[in-house]
Amino acid sequence: MYKDFDNINQEKLIKLIEQKINDRRILKFIRKWLKAGFMEVGNKKIR
């Protein structure tokens, strides 16, 4: 499932989200979350 999101253009996604959300703090959080990587622990991937 996670690999499906590897190909999403994050700038376009942010532009779509900005149309619905006006709170800059939330948008900043979403940008940081999108840029965060994954950490593998055993067979599980943790964001």
N, C-alpha and C. Protein backbone atom coordinates (compact mmCIF):
# COMPACT_ATOMS: atom_id res chain seq x y z
N MET A 1 0.82 -1.19 0.00
CA MET A 1 0.00 0.00 0.00
C MET A 1 0.87 1.25 0.00
N TYR A 2 1.92 1.28 0.79
CA TYR A 2 2.74 2.48 0.89
C TYR A 2 3.38 2.85 -0.44
N LYS A 3 3.73 1.85 -1.24
CA LYS A 3 4.37 2.13 -2.52
C LYS A 3 3.45 2.89 -3.46
N ASP A 4 2.16 2.77 -3.28
CA ASP A 4 1.21 3.52 -4.11
C ASP A 4 1.39 5.02 -3.92
N PHE A 5 1.80 5.43 -2.73
CA PHE A 5 1.94 6.84 -2.43
C PHE A 5 3.31 7.40 -2.82
N ASP A 6 4.24 6.54 -3.21
CA ASP A 6 5.57 6.99 -3.61
C ASP A 6 5.52 7.81 -4.90
N ASN A 7 4.50 7.59 -5.71
CA ASN A 7 4.43 8.22 -7.02
C ASN A 7 3.52 9.44 -7.06
N ILE A 8 2.99 9.86 -5.94
CA ILE A 8 2.12 11.03 -5.90
C ILE A 8 2.97 12.29 -5.92
N ASN A 9 2.63 13.21 -6.79
CA ASN A 9 3.31 14.50 -6.82
C ASN A 9 2.88 15.28 -5.59
N GLN A 10 3.80 15.45 -4.65
CA GLN A 10 3.44 16.05 -3.37
C GLN A 10 3.10 17.52 -3.49
N GLU A 11 3.71 18.24 -4.44
CA GLU A 11 3.38 19.65 -4.61
C GLU A 11 1.94 19.81 -5.11
N LYS A 12 1.53 18.97 -6.03
CA LYS A 12 0.14 19.01 -6.51
C LYS A 12 -0.82 18.64 -5.38
N LEU A 13 -0.44 17.66 -4.58
CA LEU A 13 -1.27 17.25 -3.45
C LEU A 13 -1.44 18.40 -2.47
N ILE A 14 -0.35 19.09 -2.16
CA ILE A 14 -0.41 20.24 -1.25
C ILE A 14 -1.33 21.32 -1.81
N LYS A 15 -1.23 21.58 -3.11
CA LYS A 15 -2.08 22.61 -3.74
C LYS A 15 -3.56 22.24 -3.58
N LEU A 16 -3.89 20.96 -3.74
CA LEU A 16 -5.27 20.52 -3.56
C LEU A 16 -5.71 20.66 -2.11
N ILE A 17 -4.83 20.31 -1.20
CA ILE A 17 -5.15 20.42 0.23
C ILE A 17 -5.34 21.88 0.63
N GLU A 18 -4.50 22.78 0.06
CA GLU A 18 -4.61 24.21 0.38
C GLU A 18 -5.96 24.80 -0.02
N GLN A 19 -6.61 24.20 -1.00
CA GLN A 19 -7.93 24.67 -1.41
C GLN A 19 -8.98 24.41 -0.34
N LYS A 20 -8.75 23.42 0.51
CA LYS A 20 -9.72 23.04 1.54
C LYS A 20 -9.32 23.50 2.94
N ILE A 21 -8.01 23.65 3.17
CA ILE A 21 -7.52 23.99 4.50
C ILE A 21 -6.79 25.33 4.45
N ASN A 22 -7.18 26.25 5.29
CA ASN A 22 -6.56 27.58 5.31
C ASN A 22 -5.59 27.77 6.46
N ASP A 23 -5.56 26.85 7.38
CA ASP A 23 -4.70 26.96 8.56
C ASP A 23 -3.26 26.61 8.18
N ARG A 24 -2.38 27.62 8.20
CA ARG A 24 -0.98 27.42 7.79
C ARG A 24 -0.24 26.45 8.71
N ARG A 25 -0.62 26.38 9.97
CA ARG A 25 0.02 25.43 10.88
C ARG A 25 -0.25 24.00 10.47
N ILE A 26 -1.48 23.75 10.08
CA ILE A 26 -1.86 22.40 9.64
C ILE A 26 -1.15 22.07 8.33
N LEU A 27 -1.10 23.02 7.42
CA LEU A 27 -0.42 22.79 6.14
C LEU A 27 1.07 22.52 6.34
N LYS A 28 1.68 23.25 7.27
CA LYS A 28 3.10 23.03 7.58
C LYS A 28 3.31 21.62 8.13
N PHE A 29 2.41 21.19 9.01
CA PHE A 29 2.47 19.84 9.57
C PHE A 29 2.34 18.79 8.47
N ILE A 30 1.41 18.99 7.55
CA ILE A 30 1.20 18.04 6.46
C ILE A 30 2.44 17.97 5.57
N ARG A 31 3.04 19.11 5.27
CA ARG A 31 4.27 19.12 4.46
C ARG A 31 5.38 18.33 5.14
N LYS A 32 5.55 18.54 6.44
CA LYS A 32 6.59 17.81 7.17
C LYS A 32 6.28 16.32 7.19
N TRP A 33 5.03 15.96 7.35
CA TRP A 33 4.63 14.56 7.38
C TRP A 33 4.90 13.89 6.03
N LEU A 34 4.62 14.62 4.94
CA LEU A 34 4.87 14.06 3.61
C LEU A 34 6.36 13.87 3.35
N LYS A 35 7.18 14.75 3.88
CA LYS A 35 8.63 14.66 3.66
C LYS A 35 9.30 13.65 4.58
N ALA A 36 8.60 13.26 5.64
CA ALA A 36 9.18 12.30 6.59
C ALA A 36 9.36 10.95 5.90
N GLY A 37 10.41 10.26 6.27
CA GLY A 37 10.66 8.95 5.69
C GLY A 37 10.03 7.84 6.52
N PHE A 38 10.37 6.64 6.17
CA PHE A 38 9.88 5.47 6.89
C PHE A 38 11.03 4.81 7.62
N MET A 39 10.73 4.20 8.72
CA MET A 39 11.71 3.44 9.47
C MET A 39 11.19 2.01 9.54
N GLU A 40 12.03 1.06 9.17
CA GLU A 40 11.62 -0.34 9.22
C GLU A 40 12.06 -0.97 10.53
N VAL A 41 11.11 -1.61 11.20
CA VAL A 41 11.37 -2.36 12.41
C VAL A 41 10.86 -3.77 12.17
N GLY A 42 11.78 -4.68 11.94
CA GLY A 42 11.36 -6.04 11.58
C GLY A 42 10.65 -6.01 10.25
N ASN A 43 9.43 -6.52 10.20
CA ASN A 43 8.65 -6.52 8.97
C ASN A 43 7.70 -5.35 8.89
N LYS A 44 7.71 -4.48 9.89
CA LYS A 44 6.78 -3.36 9.92
C LYS A 44 7.48 -2.08 9.51
N LYS A 45 6.75 -1.24 8.79
CA LYS A 45 7.25 0.08 8.43
C LYS A 45 6.53 1.11 9.28
N ILE A 46 7.30 1.99 9.87
CA ILE A 46 6.76 3.01 10.75
C ILE A 46 7.08 4.37 10.18
N ARG A 47 6.09 5.23 10.13
CA ARG A 47 6.30 6.59 9.63
C ARG A 47 6.70 7.46 10.77
